[in-house]
Amino acid sequence: NPAAFDFVITDQTMPQLTGYELAQR
């Protein structure tokens, strides 16, 4: 549900995906 969120706050250093990679996806 991409329309459910108005914005995202993410940490950068995480396992599996970095915050930067998550943001890009």
PDB file of all heavy atoms in Angstrom:
ATOM      1  N   ASN A   1       0.840  -1.200   0.000  1.00  0.00           N
ATOM      2  CA  ASN A   1       0.000   0.000   0.000  1.00  0.00           C
ATOM      3  C   ASN A   1       0.877   1.253   0.000  1.00  0.00           C
ATOM      4  O   ASN A   1       1.019   1.917   1.027  1.00  0.00           O
ATOM      5  CB  ASN A   1      -0.946  -0.008   1.202  1.00  0.00           C
ATOM      6  CG  ASN A   1      -2.007   1.067   1.092  1.00  0.00           C
ATOM      7  OD1 ASN A   1      -2.052   1.828   0.135  1.00  0.00           O
ATOM      8  ND2 ASN A   1      -2.864   1.131   2.089  1.00  0.00           N
ATOM      9  N   PRO A   2       1.444   1.616  -1.147  1.00  0.00           N
ATOM     10  CA  PRO A   2       2.346   2.765  -1.210  1.00  0.00           C
ATOM     11  C   PRO A   2       1.677   4.095  -0.861  1.00  0.00           C
ATOM     12  O   PRO A   2       2.339   5.011  -0.375  1.00  0.00           O
ATOM     13  CB  PRO A   2       2.828   2.792  -2.656  1.00  0.00           C
ATOM     14  CG  PRO A   2       2.322   1.570  -3.309  1.00  0.00           C
ATOM     15  CD  PRO A   2       1.325   0.929  -2.421  1.00  0.00           C
ATOM     16  N   ALA A   3       0.376   4.200  -1.061  1.00  0.00           N
ATOM     17  CA  ALA A   3      -0.330   5.449  -0.776  1.00  0.00           C
ATOM     18  C   ALA A   3      -0.623   5.614   0.715  1.00  0.00           C
ATOM     19  O   ALA A   3      -1.056   6.685   1.144  1.00  0.00           O
ATOM     20  CB  ALA A   3      -1.637   5.500  -1.566  1.00  0.00           C
ATOM     21  N   ALA A   4      -0.365   4.592   1.525  1.00  0.00           N
ATOM     22  CA  ALA A   4      -0.669   4.660   2.955  1.00  0.00           C
ATOM     23  C   ALA A   4       0.296   5.562   3.716  1.00  0.00           C
ATOM     24  O   ALA A   4       0.000   5.991   4.824  1.00  0.00           O
ATOM     25  CB  ALA A   4      -0.634   3.260   3.562  1.00  0.00           C
ATOM     26  N   PHE A   5       1.447   5.859   3.125  1.00  0.00           N
ATOM     27  CA  PHE A   5       2.475   6.613   3.839  1.00  0.00           C
ATOM     28  C   PHE A   5       2.701   7.977   3.195  1.00  0.00           C
ATOM     29  O   PHE A   5       2.784   8.100   1.980  1.00  0.00           O
ATOM     30  CB  PHE A   5       3.785   5.820   3.877  1.00  0.00           C
ATOM     31  CG  PHE A   5       3.609   4.467   4.501  1.00  0.00           C
ATOM     32  CD1 PHE A   5       3.511   3.330   3.699  1.00  0.00           C
ATOM     33  CD2 PHE A   5       3.509   4.317   5.869  1.00  0.00           C
ATOM     34  CE1 PHE A   5       3.327   2.077   4.265  1.00  0.00           C
ATOM     35  CE2 PHE A   5       3.320   3.074   6.447  1.00  0.00           C
ATOM     36  CZ  PHE A   5       3.230   1.946   5.647  1.00  0.00           C
ATOM     37  N   ASP A   6       2.840   8.990   4.063  1.00  0.00           N
ATOM     38  CA  ASP A   6       3.120  10.342   3.584  1.00  0.00           C
ATOM     39  C   ASP A   6       4.613  10.617   3.487  1.00  0.00           C
ATOM     40  O   ASP A   6       5.049  11.441   2.695  1.00  0.00           O
ATOM     41  CB  ASP A   6       2.470  11.366   4.512  1.00  0.00           C
ATOM     42  CG  ASP A   6       0.955  11.240   4.497  1.00  0.00           C
ATOM     43  OD1 ASP A   6       0.371  11.382   3.404  1.00  0.00           O
ATOM     44  OD2 ASP A   6       0.364  10.974   5.564  1.00  0.00           O
ATOM     45  N   PHE A   7       5.395   9.922   4.320  1.00  0.00           N
ATOM     46  CA  PHE A   7       6.847  10.043   4.257  1.00  0.00           C
ATOM     47  C   PHE A   7       7.482   8.869   4.998  1.00  0.00           C
ATOM     48  O   PHE A   7       6.808   8.131   5.705  1.00  0.00           O
ATOM     49  CB  PHE A   7       7.349  11.383   4.801  1.00  0.00           C
ATOM     50  CG  PHE A   7       7.144  11.618   6.277  1.00  0.00           C
ATOM     51  CD1 PHE A   7       8.216  11.589   7.158  1.00  0.00           C
ATOM     52  CD2 PHE A   7       5.887  11.916   6.793  1.00  0.00           C
ATOM     53  CE1 PHE A   7       8.038  11.821   8.508  1.00  0.00           C
ATOM     54  CE2 PHE A   7       5.708  12.160   8.145  1.00  0.00           C
ATOM     55  CZ  PHE A   7       6.784  12.107   9.014  1.00  0.00           C
ATOM     56  N   VAL A   8       8.804   8.734   4.817  1.00  0.00           N
ATOM     57  CA  VAL A   8       9.561   7.626   5.416  1.00  0.00           C
ATOM     58  C   VAL A   8      10.781   8.211   6.123  1.00  0.00           C
ATOM     59  O   VAL A   8      11.448   9.093   5.584  1.00  0.00           O
ATOM     60  CB  VAL A   8      10.024   6.622   4.338  1.00  0.00           C
ATOM     61  CG1 VAL A   8      10.893   5.522   4.949  1.00  0.00           C
ATOM     62  CG2 VAL A   8       8.836   6.034   3.593  1.00  0.00           C
ATOM     63  N   ILE A   9      11.041   7.688   7.322  1.00  0.00           N
ATOM     64  CA  ILE A   9      12.293   7.990   8.022  1.00  0.00           C
ATOM     65  C   ILE A   9      13.004   6.657   8.203  1.00  0.00           C
ATOM     66  O   ILE A   9      12.430   5.723   8.758  1.00  0.00           O
ATOM     67  CB  ILE A   9      12.050   8.651   9.390  1.00  0.00           C
ATOM     68  CG1 ILE A   9      11.338   9.996   9.220  1.00  0.00           C
ATOM     69  CG2 ILE A   9      13.387   8.834  10.129  1.00  0.00           C
ATOM     70  CD1 ILE A   9      10.998  10.684  10.533  1.00  0.00           C
ATOM     71  N   THR A  10      14.235   6.571   7.702  1.00  0.00           N
ATOM     72  CA  THR A  10      14.969   5.313   7.791  1.00  0.00           C
ATOM     73  C   THR A  10      16.395   5.523   8.262  1.00  0.00           C
ATOM     74  O   THR A  10      17.029   6.533   7.941  1.00  0.00           O
ATOM     75  CB  THR A  10      14.968   4.569   6.433  1.00  0.00           C
ATOM     76  OG1 THR A  10      15.654   3.324   6.592  1.00  0.00           O
ATOM     77  CG2 THR A  10      15.617   5.372   5.338  1.00  0.00           C
ATOM     78  N   ASP A  11      16.862   4.557   9.039  1.00  0.00           N
ATOM     79  CA  ASP A  11      18.261   4.511   9.439  1.00  0.00           C
ATOM     80  C   ASP A  11      19.077   4.115   8.213  1.00  0.00           C
ATOM     81  O   ASP A  11      18.569   3.453   7.301  1.00  0.00           O
ATOM     82  CB  ASP A  11      18.416   3.473  10.560  1.00  0.00           C
ATOM     83  CG  ASP A  11      19.833   3.387  11.082  1.00  0.00           C
ATOM     84  OD1 ASP A  11      20.552   4.408  11.047  1.00  0.00           O
ATOM     85  OD2 ASP A  11      20.236   2.298  11.532  1.00  0.00           O
ATOM     86  N   GLN A  12      20.336   4.486   8.190  1.00  0.00           N
ATOM     87  CA  GLN A  12      21.207   4.126   7.069  1.00  0.00           C
ATOM     88  C   GLN A  12      21.805   2.734   7.247  1.00  0.00           C
ATOM     89  O   GLN A  12      21.717   1.899   6.371  1.00  0.00           O
ATOM     90  CB  GLN A  12      22.329   5.166   6.914  1.00  0.00           C
ATOM     91  CG  GLN A  12      23.490   4.743   6.029  1.00  0.00           C
ATOM     92  CD  GLN A  12      23.115   4.356   4.612  1.00  0.00           C
ATOM     93  OE1 GLN A  12      22.052   4.686   4.107  1.00  0.00           O
ATOM     94  NE2 GLN A  12      23.997   3.635   3.949  1.00  0.00           N
ATOM     95  N   THR A  13      22.398   2.464   8.404  1.00  0.00           N
ATOM     96  CA  THR A  13      23.145   1.236   8.598  1.00  0.00           C
ATOM     97  C   THR A  13      22.244   0.154   9.186  1.00  0.00           C
ATOM     98  O   THR A  13      21.937   0.170  10.379  1.00  0.00           O
ATOM     99  CB  THR A  13      24.355   1.489   9.518  1.00  0.00           C
ATOM    100  OG1 THR A  13      25.103   2.574   8.983  1.00  0.00           O
ATOM    101  CG2 THR A  13      25.228   0.261   9.620  1.00  0.00           C
ATOM    102  N   MET A  14      21.824  -0.776   8.320  1.00  0.00           N
ATOM    103  CA  MET A  14      20.950  -1.879   8.722  1.00  0.00           C
ATOM    104  C   MET A  14      21.344  -3.127   7.947  1.00  0.00           C
ATOM    105  O   MET A  14      21.905  -3.027   6.859  1.00  0.00           O
ATOM    106  CB  MET A  14      19.476  -1.543   8.421  1.00  0.00           C
ATOM    107  CG  MET A  14      18.932  -0.354   9.170  1.00  0.00           C
ATOM    108  SD  MET A  14      17.182  -0.051   8.834  1.00  0.00           S
ATOM    109  CE  MET A  14      17.233   0.523   7.137  1.00  0.00           C
ATOM    110  N   PRO A  15      21.042  -4.309   8.506  1.00  0.00           N
ATOM    111  CA  PRO A  15      21.320  -5.539   7.756  1.00  0.00           C
ATOM    112  C   PRO A  15      20.328  -5.710   6.602  1.00  0.00           C
ATOM    113  O   PRO A  15      19.257  -5.116   6.626  1.00  0.00           O
ATOM    114  CB  PRO A  15      21.137  -6.637   8.806  1.00  0.00           C
ATOM    115  CG  PRO A  15      20.259  -6.044   9.846  1.00  0.00           C
ATOM    116  CD  PRO A  15      20.501  -4.565   9.824  1.00  0.00           C
ATOM    117  N   GLN A  16      20.680  -6.476   5.624  1.00  0.00           N
ATOM    118  CA  GLN A  16      19.875  -6.823   4.449  1.00  0.00           C
ATOM    119  C   GLN A  16      19.793  -5.683   3.451  1.00  0.00           C
ATOM    120  O   GLN A  16      20.079  -5.883   2.291  1.00  0.00           O
ATOM    121  CB  GLN A  16      18.482  -7.322   4.834  1.00  0.00           C
ATOM    122  CG  GLN A  16      18.530  -8.585   5.673  1.00  0.00           C
ATOM    123  CD  GLN A  16      17.179  -8.958   6.222  1.00  0.00           C
ATOM    124  OE1 GLN A  16      16.475  -8.117   6.777  1.00  0.00           O
ATOM    125  NE2 GLN A  16      16.823 -10.217   6.077  1.00  0.00           N
ATOM    126  N   LEU A  17      19.357  -4.517   3.864  1.00  0.00           N
ATOM    127  CA  LEU A  17      19.309  -3.342   2.988  1.00  0.00           C
ATOM    128  C   LEU A  17      19.762  -2.129   3.788  1.00  0.00           C
ATOM    129  O   LEU A  17      19.330  -1.951   4.923  1.00  0.00           O
ATOM    130  CB  LEU A  17      17.875  -3.048   2.520  1.00  0.00           C
ATOM    131  CG  LEU A  17      17.191  -3.964   1.533  1.00  0.00           C
ATOM    132  CD1 LEU A  17      15.730  -3.563   1.378  1.00  0.00           C
ATOM    133  CD2 LEU A  17      17.893  -3.911   0.183  1.00  0.00           C
ATOM    134  N   THR A  18      20.594  -1.301   3.205  1.00  0.00           N
ATOM    135  CA  THR A  18      20.912  -0.033   3.869  1.00  0.00           C
ATOM    136  C   THR A  18      19.716   0.900   3.709  1.00  0.00           C
ATOM    137  O   THR A  18      18.836   0.669   2.867  1.00  0.00           O
ATOM    138  CB  THR A  18      22.153   0.638   3.247  1.00  0.00           C
ATOM    139  OG1 THR A  18      21.835   1.026   1.899  1.00  0.00           O
ATOM    140  CG2 THR A  18      23.368  -0.273   3.283  1.00  0.00           C
ATOM    141  N   GLY A  19      19.684   1.941   4.497  1.00  0.00           N
ATOM    142  CA  GLY A  19      18.620   2.925   4.361  1.00  0.00           C
ATOM    143  C   GLY A  19      18.602   3.553   2.980  1.00  0.00           C
ATOM    144  O   GLY A  19      17.553   3.814   2.404  1.00  0.00           O
ATOM    145  N   TYR A  20      19.794   3.767   2.433  1.00  0.00           N
ATOM    146  CA  TYR A  20      19.902   4.335   1.093  1.00  0.00           C
ATOM    147  C   TYR A  20      19.302   3.388   0.049  1.00  0.00           C
ATOM    148  O   TYR A  20      18.546   3.804  -0.822  1.00  0.00           O
ATOM    149  CB  TYR A  20      21.364   4.638   0.780  1.00  0.00           C
ATOM    150  CG  TYR A  20      21.562   5.211  -0.587  1.00  0.00           C
ATOM    151  CD1 TYR A  20      21.194   6.516  -0.869  1.00  0.00           C
ATOM    152  CD2 TYR A  20      22.092   4.427  -1.606  1.00  0.00           C
ATOM    153  CE1 TYR A  20      21.357   7.034  -2.137  1.00  0.00           C
ATOM    154  CE2 TYR A  20      22.267   4.942  -2.869  1.00  0.00           C
ATOM    155  CZ  TYR A  20      21.894   6.242  -3.134  1.00  0.00           C
ATOM    156  OH  TYR A  20      22.049   6.749  -4.388  1.00  0.00           O
ATOM    157  N   GLU A  21      19.616   2.098   0.164  1.00  0.00           N
ATOM    158  CA  GLU A  21      19.061   1.113  -0.769  1.00  0.00           C
ATOM    159  C   GLU A  21      17.551   1.009  -0.613  1.00  0.00           C
ATOM    160  O   GLU A  21      16.820   0.915  -1.614  1.00  0.00           O
ATOM    161  CB  GLU A  21      19.700  -0.261  -0.539  1.00  0.00           C
ATOM    162  CG  GLU A  21      21.164  -0.324  -0.922  1.00  0.00           C
ATOM    163  CD  GLU A  21      21.865  -1.571  -0.407  1.00  0.00           C
ATOM    164  OE1 GLU A  21      21.417  -2.159   0.603  1.00  0.00           O
ATOM    165  OE2 GLU A  21      22.881  -1.948  -1.024  1.00  0.00           O
ATOM    166  N   LEU A  22      17.074   1.028   0.629  1.00  0.00           N
ATOM    167  CA  LEU A  22      15.633   0.998   0.879  1.00  0.00           C
ATOM    168  C   LEU A  22      14.965   2.208   0.236  1.00  0.00           C
ATOM    169  O   LEU A  22      13.944   2.075  -0.450  1.00  0.00           O
ATOM    170  CB  LEU A  22      15.345   0.967   2.386  1.00  0.00           C
ATOM    171  CG  LEU A  22      13.874   1.071   2.781  1.00  0.00           C
ATOM    172  CD1 LEU A  22      13.062  -0.106   2.247  1.00  0.00           C
ATOM    173  CD2 LEU A  22      13.744   1.177   4.302  1.00  0.00           C
ATOM    174  N   ALA A  23      15.543   3.376   0.427  1.00  0.00           N
ATOM    175  CA  ALA A  23      14.977   4.599  -0.152  1.00  0.00           C
ATOM    176  C   ALA A  23      14.887   4.493  -1.672  1.00  0.00           C
ATOM    177  O   ALA A  23      13.863   4.866  -2.270  1.00  0.00           O
ATOM    178  CB  ALA A  23      15.821   5.806   0.247  1.00  0.00           C
ATOM    179  N   GLN A  24      15.929   3.978  -2.298  1.00  0.00           N
ATOM    180  CA  GLN A  24      15.925   3.836  -3.753  1.00  0.00           C
ATOM    181  C   GLN A  24      14.804   2.912  -4.215  1.00  0.00           C
ATOM    182  O   GLN A  24      14.093   3.211  -5.182  1.00  0.00           O
ATOM    183  CB  GLN A  24      17.285   3.310  -4.242  1.00  0.00           C
ATOM    184  CG  GLN A  24      18.424   4.284  -4.017  1.00  0.00           C
ATOM    185  CD  GLN A  24      18.213   5.602  -4.737  1.00  0.00           C
ATOM    186  OE1 GLN A  24      18.066   5.641  -5.946  1.00  0.00           O
ATOM    187  NE2 GLN A  24      18.174   6.682  -3.981  1.00  0.00           N
ATOM    188  N   ARG A  25      14.600   1.806  -3.510  1.00  0.00           N
ATOM    189  CA  ARG A  25      13.535   0.859  -3.880  1.00  0.00           C
ATOM    190  C   ARG A  25      12.152   1.448  -3.640  1.00  0.00           C
ATOM    191  O   ARG A  25      11.232   1.222  -4.432  1.00  0.00           O
ATOM    192  CB  ARG A  25      13.704  -0.449  -3.127  1.00  0.00           C
ATOM    193  CG  ARG A  25      14.953  -1.186  -3.585  1.00  0.00           C
ATOM    194  CD  ARG A  25      15.001  -2.576  -3.075  1.00  0.00           C
ATOM    195  NE  ARG A  25      16.265  -3.204  -3.407  1.00  0.00           N
ATOM    196  CZ  ARG A  25      16.573  -4.419  -3.071  1.00  0.00           C
ATOM    197  NH1 ARG A  25      15.726  -5.173  -2.383  1.00  0.00           N
ATOM    198  NH2 ARG A  25      17.736  -4.932  -3.406  1.00  0.00           N
TER     199      ARG A  25
END
